[in-house]
Amino acid sequence: MAKSPFLGGSDYGRSTAVAANRLINLFPMTSQGGVSAFYGWPGLTAELSPGSIASGIYTAANGRCFSVIGGVFYELISTLGVLSLTNRGAITSATVSRMTDNGLQLIIVNGTNGYIFTFATNALVLISDADFPNGTKTVSFLDGYFICYSPSTQKFYISGLYDGTTWDALDFASAEGDPDFNVGTIVTHRELIVFGETSGEVFYNSGDPDFPLTRNQSGTFDVGCAATYSIAKIRGIVCWLGKDESGHGIVYRLNGYTAEPISTHEINYHIQQMSNISDAIGFTFQLEGNYFYVITFPTGDQSWAYNFTTNMWNQVANFANGVFKRWEAQEYAFFAGKHLVCDYEEGVIYSLSMETYVDGAETRKWVRSWQDPVGGVNRRYSRMMLHGEMGVGLISGQGSDPQVMLRWSDDRGKTWSAEHWQSIGAMGEYGIQVKWNRLGMNRNSETCGRIWELSGTDPVKIVLTGADVE
């Protein structure tokens, strides 16, 4: 039997004649020799069910965690690992809220208003200073100052030193390297990144007594931001959905002061087919040494994850009524040892876990498809053997005899065979062989290899290490 090119990332796009590798709700894991396995994407366990949609969640530097849910600002309390909510005040409801803190205060912005929560008194107040740039969608913190941009201008403003309730109309600077308007900010490595529509600039704290933030003359790049809420960072690496003078729809990371594309041509194809990408939302998290950037497109109804550990993409999706749709998680915070995410439609706060194999109450489907490199007329396939961790069945119910479904296409994905099911082992059947025999003949007159597809819906641990074909 020959080892098939089973492992790898997702790279299907405009044409399956070029790339046919789909990876949904699985992600590649590495060992010293490279990609060694696919693991099931972490599942979701309900932690809180407030009933209203959470528009943001944030863990402050002092370890306290907060969430904007509907029109209420809540603090999350962990008691012996069980989470509860404490009402900290009313707030304007919004689709997305962004937060940061200065150690004494927490600031919330939502594209309409700004609010300050004081840790010592647990008091929440609307920022009433007339000089506050209402309408800002992002807020950053650097060296004692909150920083907000002014929409439809090139200006950004700083708050009073360690005081987010005071703002001065003269305490601003402008990102003027290009004539575009600002759309968002983020701080990394003690530098402020100001994103315009088609460009970006970097500022640092020079200590100037008139205005402390000074443009870094070397810190400019010719890629702006197509979606404010796509801006996120992990380990100091800033990621965003880009836009420049020649187009939009590429995902970038900032490497030094260079905008470096990380999305593939195939990922770019999916993004640029969407009617609207300006509503994209991104967040980052780390799980078992894998550093992920997840970007969701509400209008396009898709979610994609980039793993900085493998430099590979996979699709993340809910499966409902036979159709894949966007992943339900859209905001993230790490609190009380839990990876918390907010559901965009059901008013639930979940925790992510590799030991959970469903998305709340919903069944999850995983898919891997790939193209056999050997084509030719009348190519006969006698057997496939799947390798991985077997005997993962549950005690009872769905998953007690977990199944994997195999199907194939001999015409570049235009039509497919029926599904052929095989068990990957009831609990304890560790030595089971998972194989399919008499897989037919590819009578295609073109020299194209067969496209294979494996999938499953049982709520069990999935670890796949390879597939052999003869």
Protein backbone atom coordinates (compact mmCIF):
# COMPACT_ATOMS: atom_id res chain seq x y z
CA MET A 1 0.00 0.00 0.00
CA ALA A 2 1.17 3.53 -0.74
CA LYS A 3 0.96 6.39 1.72
CA SER A 4 -1.57 8.92 0.44
CA PRO A 5 -0.99 12.71 0.86
CA PHE A 6 -3.56 12.80 3.63
CA LEU A 7 -1.99 15.29 6.04
CA GLY A 8 -1.83 19.04 5.40
CA GLY A 9 -3.91 22.18 5.55
CA SER A 10 -7.02 23.41 3.77
CA ASP A 11 -6.36 24.67 0.26
CA TYR A 12 -9.47 24.13 -1.82
CA GLY A 13 -10.61 27.20 -3.67
CA ARG A 14 -11.68 28.32 -7.13
CA SER A 15 -11.11 24.97 -8.81
CA THR A 16 -10.75 21.43 -7.50
CA ALA A 17 -8.61 20.79 -10.57
CA VAL A 18 -5.95 22.86 -8.80
CA ALA A 19 -6.61 22.19 -5.13
CA ALA A 20 -9.12 19.86 -3.48
CA ASN A 21 -7.91 19.62 0.11
CA ARG A 22 -10.66 20.52 2.59
CA LEU A 23 -10.12 20.52 6.34
CA ILE A 24 -13.19 21.26 8.46
CA ASN A 25 -13.25 20.99 12.26
CA LEU A 26 -9.85 19.31 12.23
CA PHE A 27 -6.46 20.96 12.62
CA PRO A 28 -2.91 19.72 11.90
CA MET A 29 -0.59 18.95 14.82
CA THR A 30 3.18 18.88 14.51
CA SER A 31 5.99 16.76 15.85
CA GLN A 32 9.71 17.13 15.24
CA GLY A 33 9.30 15.70 11.77
CA GLY A 34 6.51 18.04 10.67
CA VAL A 35 2.75 17.57 10.54
CA SER A 36 2.02 14.25 12.21
CA ALA A 37 -1.75 14.13 12.79
CA PHE A 38 -5.15 15.77 12.59
CA TYR A 39 -6.90 16.48 15.87
CA GLY A 40 -10.54 17.33 16.28
CA TRP A 41 -11.21 21.04 16.73
CA PRO A 42 -11.94 21.92 20.39
CA GLY A 43 -15.59 21.60 21.35
CA LEU A 44 -17.86 23.90 23.34
CA THR A 45 -19.27 23.35 26.83
CA ALA A 46 -21.93 25.76 28.11
CA GLU A 47 -20.72 27.69 31.18
CA LEU A 48 -23.35 30.44 31.38
CA SER A 49 -26.70 30.95 29.69
CA PRO A 50 -27.73 34.57 30.28
CA GLY A 51 -30.22 34.47 27.40
CA SER A 52 -28.93 37.61 25.66
CA ILE A 53 -26.05 37.84 23.19
CA ALA A 54 -22.65 38.75 24.59
CA SER A 55 -20.98 41.42 22.47
CA GLY A 56 -17.63 41.27 24.24
CA ILE A 57 -15.65 39.54 26.97
CA TYR A 58 -12.38 40.63 28.57
CA THR A 59 -10.04 39.57 31.37
CA ALA A 60 -8.33 42.52 33.03
CA ALA A 61 -4.74 42.66 34.20
CA ASN A 62 -5.92 42.13 37.79
CA GLY A 63 -7.56 38.83 36.82
CA ARG A 64 -11.16 40.02 36.93
CA CYS A 65 -13.32 39.11 33.93
CA PHE A 66 -16.16 41.15 32.40
CA SER A 67 -18.69 40.77 29.61
CA VAL A 68 -21.21 43.02 27.88
CA ILE A 69 -24.39 40.98 27.50
CA GLY A 70 -27.37 42.64 25.90
CA GLY A 71 -27.66 46.02 27.64
CA VAL A 72 -25.84 44.99 30.83
CA PHE A 73 -22.19 45.08 31.90
CA TYR A 74 -21.47 41.95 33.95
CA GLU A 75 -18.58 40.67 35.99
CA LEU A 76 -17.92 36.94 35.79
CA ILE A 77 -17.29 35.31 39.16
CA SER A 78 -15.68 31.88 39.53
CA THR A 79 -16.56 29.91 42.66
CA LEU A 80 -14.94 26.49 42.85
CA GLY A 81 -14.82 26.45 39.06
CA VAL A 82 -18.49 27.37 38.61
CA LEU A 83 -19.13 30.68 36.83
CA SER A 84 -21.81 33.20 37.72
CA LEU A 85 -22.67 36.75 36.66
CA THR A 86 -22.80 39.92 38.75
CA ASN A 87 -24.58 42.95 37.29
CA ARG A 88 -22.26 45.99 37.26
CA GLY A 89 -24.49 48.44 35.42
CA ALA A 90 -26.44 49.32 32.28
CA ILE A 91 -24.72 49.88 28.97
CA THR A 92 -25.75 50.55 25.37
CA SER A 93 -26.43 47.32 23.55
CA ALA A 94 -24.14 46.68 20.57
CA THR A 95 -23.11 43.96 18.14
CA VAL A 96 -19.45 44.13 19.25
CA SER A 97 -17.85 45.78 22.28
CA ARG A 98 -14.14 46.24 22.90
CA MET A 99 -12.43 46.64 26.30
CA THR A 100 -9.04 47.23 27.88
CA ASP A 101 -7.81 48.48 31.25
CA ASN A 102 -5.09 50.57 32.89
CA GLY A 103 -4.92 48.66 36.17
CA LEU A 104 -7.27 51.08 37.90
CA GLN A 105 -10.07 51.43 35.37
CA LEU A 106 -11.59 49.42 32.56
CA ILE A 107 -12.86 51.16 29.44
CA ILE A 108 -15.59 49.85 27.12
CA VAL A 109 -16.29 51.19 23.62
CA ASN A 110 -18.96 49.92 21.23
CA GLY A 111 -18.98 52.20 18.20
CA THR A 112 -21.44 54.55 19.87
CA ASN A 113 -20.40 55.43 23.44
CA GLY A 114 -17.60 54.89 25.88
CA TYR A 115 -17.83 53.77 29.52
CA ILE A 116 -15.43 53.63 32.46
CA PHE A 117 -15.58 51.00 35.19
CA THR A 118 -13.50 51.71 38.30
CA PHE A 119 -12.18 48.56 39.96
CA ALA A 120 -11.94 49.98 43.49
CA THR A 121 -15.56 51.16 43.66
CA ASN A 122 -17.23 48.86 41.09
CA ALA A 123 -18.80 51.99 39.59
CA LEU A 124 -19.70 52.15 35.89
CA VAL A 125 -20.12 55.59 34.28
CA LEU A 126 -20.72 56.90 30.78
CA ILE A 127 -17.79 58.95 29.50
CA SER A 128 -19.46 62.34 29.42
CA ASP A 129 -16.44 64.45 28.46
CA ALA A 130 -17.38 66.28 25.26
CA ASP A 131 -13.89 65.71 23.87
CA PHE A 132 -14.16 61.92 23.96
CA PRO A 133 -14.22 60.57 20.37
CA ASN A 134 -17.61 58.86 20.42
CA GLY A 135 -18.01 56.33 17.63
CA THR A 136 -14.62 54.70 18.12
CA LYS A 137 -14.79 50.92 17.75
CA THR A 138 -11.41 50.06 19.28
CA VAL A 139 -9.52 51.18 22.36
CA SER A 140 -5.88 50.61 23.26
CA PHE A 141 -3.68 51.22 26.29
CA LEU A 142 -0.08 52.43 26.30
CA ASP A 143 2.02 53.83 29.15
CA GLY A 144 -0.92 55.07 31.24
CA TYR A 145 -3.09 56.39 28.41
CA PHE A 146 -6.22 55.01 26.78
CA ILE A 147 -6.14 55.63 23.03
CA CYS A 148 -9.19 55.95 20.76
CA TYR A 149 -9.42 56.97 17.12
CA SER A 150 -11.90 59.49 15.77
CA PRO A 151 -14.04 57.95 12.99
CA SER A 152 -13.90 59.52 9.51
CA THR A 153 -10.74 61.44 10.42
CA GLN A 154 -7.01 60.80 10.60
CA LYS A 155 -6.93 61.68 14.31
CA PHE A 156 -6.52 59.58 17.43
CA TYR A 157 -6.80 60.86 21.00
CA ILE A 158 -5.31 59.98 24.38
CA SER A 159 -7.10 60.10 27.72
CA GLY A 160 -5.84 61.74 30.86
CA LEU A 161 -2.98 59.83 32.51
CA TYR A 162 -4.60 56.80 34.19
CA ASP A 163 -7.98 58.52 33.89
CA GLY A 164 -10.33 57.42 31.13
CA THR A 165 -13.03 59.89 32.17
CA THR A 166 -11.01 62.94 31.03
CA TRP A 167 -10.16 63.78 27.43
CA ASP A 168 -8.73 66.96 25.91
CA ALA A 169 -9.51 68.11 22.37
CA LEU A 170 -5.83 69.13 21.99
CA ASP A 171 -4.45 65.73 23.03
CA PHE A 172 -4.42 64.15 19.60
CA ALA A 173 -2.14 63.20 16.75
CA SER A 174 -2.84 62.36 13.13
CA ALA A 175 -1.79 59.41 11.00
CA GLU A 176 -1.06 61.48 7.92
CA GLY A 177 1.30 59.31 5.90
CA ASP A 178 -1.63 58.55 3.59
CA PRO A 179 -4.87 60.52 3.14
CA ASP A 180 -7.10 57.65 4.33
CA PHE A 181 -9.23 57.67 7.49
CA ASN A 182 -8.39 55.71 10.63
CA VAL A 183 -10.38 52.53 11.29
CA GLY A 184 -8.69 50.97 14.33
CA THR A 185 -5.73 50.75 16.69
CA ILE A 186 -3.82 48.10 18.62
CA VAL A 187 -0.72 48.16 20.83
CA THR A 188 2.10 45.64 20.53
CA HIS A 189 5.69 45.73 21.82
CA ARG A 190 4.85 49.09 23.48
CA GLU A 191 4.09 50.66 20.10
CA LEU A 192 0.75 51.90 18.82
CA ILE A 193 -0.35 50.57 15.44
CA VAL A 194 -2.85 52.89 13.74
CA PHE A 195 -4.74 51.28 10.88
CA GLY A 196 -6.16 53.40 8.11
CA GLU A 197 -8.38 52.22 5.30
CA THR A 198 -5.42 51.48 3.00
CA SER A 199 -2.31 52.07 5.12
CA GLY A 200 -0.84 51.73 8.59
CA GLU A 201 1.47 53.78 10.80
CA VAL A 202 3.37 53.14 14.02
CA PHE A 203 3.74 55.50 16.98
CA TYR A 204 5.87 55.25 20.12
CA ASN A 205 6.10 57.10 23.42
CA SER A 206 8.84 59.68 22.95
CA GLY A 207 8.12 61.45 26.25
CA ASP A 208 7.30 64.73 24.50
CA PRO A 209 5.58 66.89 27.16
CA ASP A 210 3.19 68.39 24.60
CA PHE A 211 2.01 65.01 23.26
CA PRO A 212 3.81 61.79 24.18
CA LEU A 213 3.16 59.70 21.06
CA THR A 214 5.46 60.28 18.09
CA ARG A 215 5.41 58.73 14.65
CA ASN A 216 8.07 56.12 13.96
CA GLN A 217 9.37 57.29 10.60
CA SER A 218 10.31 53.72 9.66
CA GLY A 219 7.02 52.29 10.87
CA THR A 220 4.69 52.61 7.91
CA PHE A 221 3.13 49.97 5.68
CA ASP A 222 0.94 50.16 2.60
CA VAL A 223 -1.84 47.84 3.73
CA GLY A 224 -4.84 49.09 5.67
CA CYS A 225 -7.70 47.32 7.36
CA ALA A 226 -10.91 46.13 5.68
CA ALA A 227 -12.67 45.14 8.94
CA THR A 228 -12.00 46.92 12.23
CA TYR A 229 -12.98 43.98 14.42
CA SER A 230 -10.64 41.63 12.56
CA ILE A 231 -7.66 43.25 14.32
CA ALA A 232 -6.19 40.93 16.97
CA LYS A 233 -2.82 39.87 18.35
CA ILE A 234 -1.11 36.89 19.93
CA ARG A 235 2.41 36.73 21.35
CA GLY A 236 2.91 40.24 20.01
CA ILE A 237 1.94 39.26 16.45
CA VAL A 238 -0.78 41.50 15.02
CA CYS A 239 -3.24 40.01 12.49
CA TRP A 240 -5.97 41.66 10.45
CA LEU A 241 -8.04 41.52 7.28
CA GLY A 242 -6.31 43.78 4.82
CA LYS A 243 -7.19 46.34 2.23
CA ASP A 244 -4.97 48.44 -0.01
CA GLU A 245 -5.30 50.60 -3.10
CA SER A 246 -5.47 47.53 -5.35
CA GLY A 247 -8.14 45.55 -3.50
CA HIS A 248 -9.05 43.78 -0.28
CA GLY A 249 -9.66 40.36 1.24
CA ILE A 250 -6.20 39.10 2.24
CA VAL A 251 -5.31 38.23 5.85
CA TYR A 252 -2.04 39.74 7.05
CA ARG A 253 0.32 39.59 9.99
CA LEU A 254 2.71 42.36 10.94
CA ASN A 255 6.30 41.14 10.69
CA GLY A 256 8.38 43.99 12.05
CA TYR A 257 6.86 46.88 10.13
CA THR A 258 6.01 44.79 7.06
CA ALA A 259 2.50 43.59 6.25
CA GLU A 260 3.03 39.92 5.45
CA PRO A 261 0.19 37.88 3.86
CA ILE A 262 -0.70 34.69 5.72
CA SER A 263 -3.83 33.69 3.81
CA THR A 264 -3.36 31.44 0.79
CA HIS A 265 -4.77 32.05 -2.67
CA GLU A 266 -7.50 29.53 -1.87
CA ILE A 267 -8.47 31.28 1.38
CA ASN A 268 -8.39 34.62 -0.45
CA TYR A 269 -10.78 33.17 -3.01
CA HIS A 270 -13.37 32.30 -0.36
CA ILE A 271 -13.04 35.71 1.31
CA GLN A 272 -13.28 37.69 -1.90
CA GLN A 273 -16.41 35.84 -3.03
CA MET A 274 -18.33 37.32 -0.08
CA SER A 275 -20.63 40.28 -0.64
CA ASN A 276 -19.43 42.04 2.52
CA ILE A 277 -16.26 41.48 4.53
CA SER A 278 -16.25 44.68 6.58
CA ASP A 279 -18.10 42.90 9.41
CA ALA A 280 -15.37 40.26 9.90
CA ILE A 281 -14.45 39.54 13.53
CA GLY A 282 -11.14 38.06 14.68
CA PHE A 283 -9.74 36.72 17.94
CA THR A 284 -6.73 34.69 19.04
CA PHE A 285 -6.09 31.94 21.57
CA GLN A 286 -3.50 29.34 22.55
CA LEU A 287 -4.32 25.69 23.15
CA GLU A 288 -1.71 23.02 23.91
CA GLY A 289 1.01 25.11 22.27
CA ASN A 290 -1.01 25.87 19.15
CA TYR A 291 -1.49 29.60 18.56
CA PHE A 292 -4.64 30.32 16.57
CA TYR A 293 -6.07 33.36 14.83
CA VAL A 294 -9.77 32.79 14.10
CA ILE A 295 -11.60 35.06 11.69
CA THR A 296 -15.36 34.89 11.17
CA PHE A 297 -17.36 36.48 8.36
CA PRO A 298 -20.97 37.03 9.52
CA THR A 299 -22.27 37.98 6.08
CA GLY A 300 -20.30 35.23 4.35
CA ASP A 301 -21.33 32.74 7.08
CA GLN A 302 -17.84 31.22 7.31
CA SER A 303 -15.08 30.92 9.92
CA TRP A 304 -11.42 30.12 9.31
CA ALA A 305 -8.53 29.42 11.70
CA TYR A 306 -4.82 30.02 11.09
CA ASN A 307 -2.35 28.07 13.23
CA PHE A 308 0.92 29.94 13.72
CA THR A 309 2.52 26.69 14.91
CA THR A 310 2.00 24.92 11.58
CA ASN A 311 1.34 27.95 9.33
CA MET A 312 -1.76 26.14 8.07
CA TRP A 313 -5.45 26.99 7.78
CA ASN A 314 -8.54 24.97 8.60
CA GLN A 315 -12.21 25.80 8.41
CA VAL A 316 -14.26 25.89 11.62
CA ALA A 317 -17.97 25.37 11.21
CA ASN A 318 -21.28 24.48 12.75
CA PHE A 319 -23.29 21.88 10.87
CA ALA A 320 -27.05 22.37 10.64
CA ASN A 321 -29.64 20.97 8.23
CA GLY A 322 -26.92 19.40 6.12
CA VAL A 323 -25.04 22.68 5.60
CA PHE A 324 -21.85 24.10 7.11
CA LYS A 325 -22.11 27.62 8.52
CA ARG A 326 -19.97 29.98 10.58
CA TRP A 327 -18.65 28.86 13.95
CA GLU A 328 -20.79 30.19 16.76
CA ALA A 329 -17.90 31.62 18.80
CA GLN A 330 -16.94 35.23 18.08
CA GLU A 331 -15.35 36.71 21.24
CA TYR A 332 -12.68 35.22 23.54
CA ALA A 333 -11.12 35.58 27.00
CA PHE A 334 -9.07 33.30 29.24
CA PHE A 335 -10.43 33.30 32.80
CA ALA A 336 -10.33 30.94 35.80
CA GLY A 337 -8.40 28.40 33.76
CA LYS A 338 -11.07 28.33 31.06
CA HIS A 339 -10.98 29.39 27.41
CA LEU A 340 -14.24 31.33 27.21
CA VAL A 341 -16.05 32.27 23.99
CA CYS A 342 -19.34 34.07 23.35
CA ASP A 343 -22.06 32.58 21.19
CA TYR A 344 -23.28 35.00 18.53
CA GLU A 345 -26.87 33.76 18.33
CA GLU A 346 -27.94 31.76 21.39
CA GLY A 347 -26.91 33.92 24.36
CA VAL A 348 -24.48 31.37 25.80
CA ILE A 349 -20.92 31.67 27.07
CA TYR A 350 -18.97 28.49 26.35
CA SER A 351 -15.58 27.11 27.30
CA LEU A 352 -13.32 25.57 24.68
CA SER A 353 -11.84 22.15 25.38
CA MET A 354 -10.03 19.43 23.48
CA GLU A 355 -11.97 16.94 25.63
CA THR A 356 -15.33 18.17 24.34
CA TYR A 357 -16.54 16.72 21.04
CA VAL A 358 -19.77 18.67 20.45
CA ASP A 359 -20.67 22.35 20.14
CA GLY A 360 -23.00 22.72 23.09
CA ALA A 361 -26.12 20.77 22.17
CA GLU A 362 -25.23 20.63 18.46
CA THR A 363 -23.71 17.73 16.58
CA ARG A 364 -20.38 18.49 14.95
CA LYS A 365 -19.24 17.18 11.60
CA TRP A 366 -15.61 16.96 10.57
CA VAL A 367 -14.34 16.56 6.99
CA ARG A 368 -11.03 15.82 5.32
CA SER A 369 -10.79 15.62 1.54
CA TRP A 370 -7.62 15.29 -0.53
CA GLN A 371 -6.55 14.37 -4.03
CA ASP A 372 -4.73 11.19 -4.93
CA PRO A 373 -1.66 12.21 -6.94
CA VAL A 374 -1.87 9.17 -9.21
CA GLY A 375 -4.28 9.53 -12.11
CA GLY A 376 -4.70 7.85 -15.43
CA VAL A 377 -7.37 5.95 -17.30
CA ASN A 378 -8.78 2.86 -15.56
CA ARG A 379 -6.87 3.36 -12.35
CA ARG A 380 -8.15 0.66 -9.99
CA TYR A 381 -8.35 1.15 -6.23
CA SER A 382 -8.51 -2.03 -4.20
CA ARG A 383 -8.18 -0.81 -0.62
CA MET A 384 -7.79 2.15 1.75
CA MET A 385 -6.61 1.90 5.36
CA LEU A 386 -7.06 4.72 7.84
CA HIS A 387 -4.58 5.23 10.68
CA GLY A 388 -5.05 7.01 13.98
CA GLU A 389 -6.33 6.50 17.51
CA MET A 390 -8.99 3.80 17.49
CA GLY A 391 -11.28 2.33 20.13
CA VAL A 392 -12.57 5.76 21.19
CA GLY A 393 -16.25 4.82 21.46
CA LEU A 394 -18.46 6.07 24.27
CA ILE A 395 -20.17 3.90 26.88
CA SER A 396 -23.61 4.38 25.35
CA GLY A 397 -25.63 6.43 22.90
CA GLN A 398 -24.36 8.09 19.75
CA GLY A 399 -20.67 7.42 19.56
CA SER A 400 -20.75 4.01 21.26
CA ASP A 401 -19.78 2.56 17.87
CA PRO A 402 -18.29 5.62 16.12
CA GLN A 403 -18.30 5.61 12.34
CA VAL A 404 -16.18 7.22 9.64
CA MET A 405 -17.71 7.79 6.22
CA LEU A 406 -15.68 7.49 3.02
CA ARG A 407 -16.77 8.72 -0.40
CA TRP A 408 -14.90 9.73 -3.54
CA SER A 409 -15.09 11.66 -6.78
CA ASP A 410 -13.50 10.73 -10.11
CA ASP A 411 -14.48 13.95 -11.89
CA ARG A 412 -12.76 16.61 -9.79
CA GLY A 413 -15.56 16.89 -7.24
CA LYS A 414 -18.47 17.33 -9.63
CA THR A 415 -20.19 14.11 -8.53
CA TRP A 416 -19.60 11.76 -5.60
CA SER A 417 -20.01 8.12 -4.77
CA ALA A 418 -22.29 6.87 -2.03
CA GLU A 419 -20.91 6.94 1.52
CA HIS A 420 -19.16 3.83 2.78
CA TRP A 421 -19.15 3.51 6.57
CA GLN A 422 -16.59 1.86 8.83
CA SER A 423 -16.30 1.73 12.62
CA ILE A 424 -13.25 3.24 14.30
CA GLY A 425 -13.83 1.09 17.33
CA ALA A 426 -16.09 0.76 20.33
CA MET A 427 -14.54 1.60 23.68
CA GLY A 428 -11.36 -0.41 24.15
CA GLU A 429 -11.10 -1.77 20.58
CA TYR A 430 -7.67 -0.18 20.21
CA GLY A 431 -6.35 -2.64 17.66
CA ILE A 432 -9.22 -2.39 15.19
CA GLN A 433 -8.24 -2.01 11.54
CA VAL A 434 -10.23 0.60 9.65
CA LYS A 435 -10.21 -0.26 5.98
CA TRP A 436 -12.38 -0.18 2.91
CA ASN A 437 -12.03 -2.78 0.13
CA ARG A 438 -12.99 -2.90 -3.55
CA LEU A 439 -13.13 0.85 -4.12
CA GLY A 440 -13.75 0.69 -7.83
CA MET A 441 -12.01 2.12 -10.86
CA ASN A 442 -11.38 5.66 -12.00
CA ARG A 443 -12.47 5.54 -15.63
CA ASN A 444 -11.89 9.25 -16.13
CA SER A 445 -10.20 9.84 -19.46
CA GLU A 446 -8.18 12.69 -18.00
CA THR A 447 -5.02 12.17 -15.97
CA CYS A 448 -6.51 13.37 -12.72
CA GLY A 449 -6.37 11.52 -9.45
CA ARG A 450 -9.39 10.56 -7.40
CA ILE A 451 -10.56 12.96 -4.68
CA TRP A 452 -11.13 11.14 -1.40
CA GLU A 453 -13.28 12.44 1.42
CA LEU A 454 -13.51 11.17 5.00
CA SER A 455 -16.00 12.56 7.51
CA GLY A 456 -17.70 11.81 10.80
CA THR A 457 -20.38 13.13 13.13
CA ASP A 458 -19.99 11.03 16.28
CA PRO A 459 -19.06 12.96 19.47
CA VAL A 460 -15.77 11.15 20.10
CA LYS A 461 -12.08 11.92 20.20
CA ILE A 462 -10.64 12.20 16.68
CA VAL A 463 -6.92 11.68 16.04
CA LEU A 464 -6.00 10.76 12.45
CA THR A 465 -2.41 10.11 11.44
CA GLY A 466 -2.59 8.94 7.84
CA ALA A 467 -4.28 6.99 5.07
CA ASP A 468 -2.79 4.33 2.78
CA VAL A 469 -4.22 3.49 -0.65
CA GLU A 470 -3.53 0.71 -3.08
